[in-house]
Protein backbone atom coordinates (compact mmCIF):
# COMPACT_ATOMS: atom_id res chain seq x y z
CA LEU A 1 32.13 -6.48 29.51
CA LEU A 2 29.77 -3.52 30.42
CA ASN A 3 29.37 -2.58 26.65
CA LEU A 4 28.65 -6.24 25.94
CA ARG A 5 25.91 -6.39 28.49
CA CYS A 6 24.45 -3.19 27.09
CA ALA A 7 24.31 -4.51 23.59
CA LEU A 8 22.65 -7.83 24.65
CA LEU A 9 20.14 -5.81 26.65
CA PHE A 10 19.44 -3.62 23.66
CA ILE A 11 18.91 -6.80 21.49
CA LEU A 12 16.59 -8.28 24.15
CA LEU A 13 14.52 -5.24 24.36
CA GLU A 14 14.28 -4.84 20.48
CA SER A 15 13.15 -8.33 20.05
CA SER A 16 10.44 -7.96 22.82
CA VAL A 17 8.62 -5.65 20.66
CA ALA A 18 6.17 -7.73 18.67
CA ASP A 19 4.86 -6.94 15.07
CA ILE A 20 1.51 -5.34 15.06
CA ARG A 21 -1.46 -6.55 12.97
CA LEU A 22 -2.95 -3.54 11.33
CA ASP A 23 -5.55 -5.65 9.66
CA GLY A 24 -6.04 -9.00 8.09
CA GLY A 25 -3.82 -11.96 8.75
CA GLU A 26 -4.79 -15.03 10.78
CA LEU A 27 -7.58 -13.19 12.61
CA GLY A 28 -9.14 -11.89 9.25
CA TRP A 29 -10.30 -8.53 8.18
CA ASP A 30 -12.32 -6.22 10.49
CA THR A 31 -14.87 -6.09 7.82
CA SER A 32 -17.02 -3.52 9.54
CA ALA A 33 -14.18 -0.92 9.91
CA TRP A 34 -13.69 -0.39 6.18
CA ARG A 35 -15.50 1.81 3.67
CA VAL A 36 -15.04 2.83 0.09
CA GLN A 37 -14.53 6.58 -1.00
CA VAL A 38 -14.29 7.37 -4.69
CA ASP A 39 -13.51 10.67 -6.55
CA GLY A 40 -17.07 11.63 -6.61
CA VAL A 41 -16.49 13.94 -3.81
CA MET A 42 -14.41 15.92 -6.39
CA GLY A 43 -16.87 15.41 -9.32
CA GLY A 44 -14.95 12.22 -10.62
CA ARG A 45 -16.45 9.32 -12.11
CA SER A 46 -14.38 6.45 -10.76
CA SER A 47 -15.94 3.43 -9.03
CA GLY A 48 -14.82 1.11 -6.15
CA TYR A 49 -16.32 -1.99 -4.67
CA LEU A 50 -15.25 -3.87 -1.36
CA LYS A 51 -15.80 -7.49 -0.35
CA PHE A 52 -14.13 -10.01 1.71
CA GLU A 53 -13.47 -13.46 0.60
CA GLU A 54 -11.92 -16.66 1.86
CA SER A 55 -13.59 -16.46 5.27
CA ASN A 56 -12.50 -12.81 5.72
CA GLN A 57 -8.78 -13.85 4.74
CA ILE A 58 -8.79 -11.59 1.68
CA MET A 59 -9.90 -7.95 1.25
CA LYS A 60 -10.97 -7.67 -2.47
CA PHE A 61 -11.12 -4.06 -3.72
CA THR A 62 -12.29 -3.83 -7.31
CA GLY A 63 -13.41 -0.81 -9.44
CA ASN A 64 -12.66 1.39 -12.38
CA ILE A 65 -10.49 4.53 -12.56
CA ASN A 66 -12.07 7.35 -14.83
CA LEU A 67 -9.60 10.19 -15.42
CA ASN A 68 -12.37 12.61 -16.21
CA GLY A 69 -12.36 14.12 -12.72
CA GLY A 70 -10.44 13.12 -9.58
CA GLY A 71 -8.94 9.98 -10.92
CA PHE A 72 -8.92 7.73 -7.76
CA SER A 73 -10.77 5.06 -5.78
CA SER A 74 -9.85 3.99 -2.22
CA VAL A 75 -10.81 1.96 0.86
CA ARG A 76 -10.26 3.42 4.38
CA ARG A 77 -10.35 2.50 8.03
CA GLN A 78 -9.90 4.35 11.23
CA TYR A 79 -8.76 2.95 14.72
CA SER A 80 -10.53 3.77 17.90
CA ASP A 81 -7.25 3.03 19.62
CA ALA A 82 -4.35 4.88 17.99
CA LYS A 83 -1.22 2.65 17.23
CA ASN A 84 2.28 3.52 18.30
CA LEU A 85 4.56 2.66 15.55
CA SER A 86 7.56 4.64 16.80
CA GLU A 87 9.59 1.65 17.62
CA TYR A 88 8.80 -0.17 14.17
CA SER A 89 10.70 -0.05 10.84
CA GLY A 90 8.11 -0.40 8.34
CA ILE A 91 4.84 -1.89 7.10
CA VAL A 92 4.64 -5.16 5.16
CA VAL A 93 1.78 -5.75 2.81
CA ASN A 94 0.70 -9.18 1.75
CA VAL A 95 -0.96 -8.94 -1.67
CA LYS A 96 -1.95 -11.43 -4.25
CA THR A 97 0.17 -10.95 -7.50
CA SER A 98 -1.27 -9.99 -10.80
CA ALA A 99 -1.15 -12.42 -13.74
CA SER A 100 1.57 -11.28 -16.16
CA SER A 101 0.17 -9.33 -19.05
CA LEU A 102 2.29 -7.75 -21.86
CA SER A 103 -0.41 -5.11 -22.55
CA SER A 104 -0.75 -3.98 -18.98
CA PRO A 105 1.96 -2.53 -16.60
CA PRO A 106 1.97 -3.57 -12.89
CA LEU A 107 -0.85 -1.75 -10.90
CA GLY A 108 0.50 1.00 -8.62
CA LEU A 109 -1.12 1.47 -5.22
CA HIS A 110 -0.50 3.73 -2.28
CA LEU A 111 -0.83 2.97 1.31
CA GLN A 112 -1.69 6.05 3.41
CA LEU A 113 -1.49 6.39 7.09
CA HIS A 114 -3.06 9.01 9.27
CA ASP A 115 -2.02 10.37 12.73
CA SER A 116 -4.17 12.10 15.35
CA TYR A 117 -2.03 15.27 15.32
CA THR A 118 -2.85 16.40 11.74
CA ASN A 119 -5.39 16.33 9.01
CA TRP A 120 -2.82 15.37 6.49
CA GLY A 121 -2.42 11.84 5.22
CA PHE A 122 0.98 10.39 4.57
CA ALA A 123 1.42 7.92 1.71
CA SER A 124 3.93 5.37 0.41
CA ALA A 125 3.72 4.01 -3.13
CA PHE A 126 4.19 0.52 -4.25
CA ALA A 127 3.27 -1.85 -7.18
CA VAL A 128 1.38 -5.08 -7.09
CA PRO A 129 3.98 -7.76 -8.13
CA LEU A 130 3.50 -9.55 -11.28
CA SER A 131 3.61 -13.45 -11.60
CA ASN A 132 2.78 -16.28 -14.27
CA ASP A 133 0.26 -17.59 -11.81
CA PRO A 134 -3.19 -16.87 -13.35
CA ASP A 135 -4.75 -17.21 -9.84
CA GLY A 136 -2.21 -14.96 -8.22
CA GLN A 137 0.07 -15.90 -5.30
CA ILE A 138 0.66 -14.11 -2.08
CA ALA A 139 3.76 -11.84 -2.14
CA SER A 140 5.04 -9.46 0.39
CA VAL A 141 5.98 -5.77 0.02
CA TYR A 142 7.95 -3.87 2.49
CA LEU A 143 7.44 -0.15 3.02
CA PRO A 144 9.82 1.69 5.36
CA LEU A 145 7.99 4.06 7.58
CA THR A 146 10.52 6.72 6.43
CA SER A 147 8.82 6.28 2.90
CA PHE A 148 5.43 7.66 4.14
CA ASP A 149 6.42 11.16 3.14
CA ARG A 150 3.76 12.15 0.66
CA ALA A 151 1.57 14.47 2.57
CA SER A 152 -1.75 15.47 1.07
CA ARG A 153 -5.20 16.18 1.89
CA SER A 154 -8.32 16.48 -0.28
CA GLY A 155 -6.32 16.57 -3.37
CA PHE A 156 -3.84 19.12 -2.23
CA GLN A 157 -0.06 18.09 -1.38
CA CYS A 158 1.75 19.64 1.47
CA ASN A 159 5.47 20.75 0.53
CA SER A 160 6.37 22.00 3.80
CA SER A 161 9.02 20.37 5.81
CA ASN A 162 6.77 20.56 8.72
CA CYS A 163 4.46 17.90 7.15
CA LYS A 164 5.71 14.72 8.70
CA LEU A 165 4.11 11.58 9.94
CA ASN A 166 3.83 11.24 13.69
CA THR A 167 4.46 7.47 14.16
CA ASN A 168 3.36 7.81 17.85
CA SER A 169 -0.41 7.84 17.10
CA ILE A 170 -1.49 6.28 13.91
CA ASP A 171 -5.30 6.48 13.93
CA GLY A 172 -6.19 5.63 10.31
CA MET A 173 -5.12 3.82 6.98
CA ASP A 174 -6.20 3.90 3.34
CA VAL A 175 -5.41 2.04 0.18
CA TYR A 176 -5.52 4.05 -3.00
CA VAL A 177 -5.51 3.42 -6.75
CA LEU A 178 -4.68 6.59 -8.49
CA PHE A 179 -4.60 8.03 -11.87
CA GLN A 180 -4.40 4.64 -13.76
CA GLU A 181 -7.27 4.52 -16.21
CA GLY A 182 -9.34 1.38 -16.42
CA GLY A 183 -10.29 -1.61 -14.41
CA PHE A 184 -8.44 -2.82 -11.36
CA ASP A 185 -8.61 -5.72 -8.97
CA VAL A 186 -6.61 -5.63 -5.77
CA ASN A 187 -6.60 -8.63 -3.23
CA ILE A 188 -4.92 -8.04 0.15
CA GLU A 189 -4.04 -10.74 2.61
CA SER A 190 -2.77 -8.58 5.57
CA ILE A 191 -1.07 -5.39 6.48
CA THR A 192 1.42 -5.57 9.46
CA ALA A 193 3.79 -3.21 11.14
CA VAL A 194 7.24 -4.85 11.61
CA THR A 195 10.18 -4.00 13.88
CA VAL A 196 12.87 -5.39 11.27
CA LYS A 197 12.92 -5.27 7.57
CA PRO A 198 12.16 -8.84 6.51
CA ASN A 199 14.13 -10.83 3.90
CA LEU A 200 11.48 -11.05 1.04
CA THR A 201 11.39 -13.00 -2.23
CA VAL A 202 10.09 -11.45 -5.37
CA PRO A 203 7.92 -13.68 -7.52
CA THR A 204 9.61 -14.51 -10.94
CA VAL A 205 7.97 -13.73 -14.39
CA SER A 206 8.96 -15.76 -17.36
CA PHE A 207 8.73 -14.55 -20.99
CA ASP A 208 8.98 -16.29 -24.24
CA SER A 209 11.03 -13.68 -26.05
CA PRO A 210 12.95 -10.44 -25.54
CA SER A 211 10.01 -8.60 -27.50
CA GLU A 212 7.64 -9.50 -24.75
CA VAL A 213 9.98 -7.89 -22.03
CA GLU A 214 10.17 -4.81 -24.28
CA LYS A 215 6.31 -4.47 -24.56
CA LEU A 216 5.90 -4.69 -20.79
CA LEU A 217 8.64 -2.15 -20.26
CA GLN A 218 7.13 0.21 -22.84
CA SER A 219 3.66 0.00 -21.34
CA THR A 220 4.99 0.57 -17.81
CA LYS A 221 6.93 3.59 -19.13
CA TYR A 222 3.77 4.86 -20.73
CA GLU A 223 1.81 4.50 -17.36
CA ALA A 224 4.56 6.27 -15.54
CA LYS A 225 4.44 9.24 -17.75
CA SER A 226 0.92 9.48 -17.28
CA LEU A 227 1.21 9.46 -13.54
CA GLY A 228 4.07 11.98 -13.66
CA GLU A 229 1.71 14.45 -15.54
CA LYS A 230 -0.71 14.12 -12.66
CA ASN A 231 2.16 15.22 -10.28
CA TYR A 232 2.59 11.80 -8.89
CA HIS A 233 6.33 10.91 -9.32
CA GLU A 234 6.54 8.36 -6.65
């Protein structure tokens, strides 16, 4: 009976921790908190542009990646009040899908978190889901907090076991497009810290023939090879 009471108490305590809005969602985006940073700081030639649409419900990040230089474009924000995410399981990013294109692989992004104890940033990689909807539809991507294990700073990666994200004090967040040459268009609805991994559905993509599937796989494989050559294996 005592064990049952303890289990019930644990469930109640766990359920009392509410999800944390990191930005976007019903309250809209904190538009003044965000800024663009591109690879010009490293002599690169990429571009990035930021605007907020649909009454600040969508953060739209567009630009072009030029591999002659740093090869990245990013949007960033800081928090004046650090977020304690130690009791959270991961991050859910609600993002508009890309229209399925047989000549273009899914766009890869990485979400990077910063803590107040180190100068390293800690990133988790994901791809914008595809769909047949030409206008895009909102899809959710779940990133476990344990997946924020790529530690880097100013283009240098930390391979030490001591480079670990301190989830007790998250004081910044970035969204990056890296090493994928050409134009990009990212539309994010919200970024939320969640206590429990949600059950998510993945948008479906229909093809007219097996050859179309093969073309998409080949283009994705080619892009992955290019990323690997830049030492980005995630």
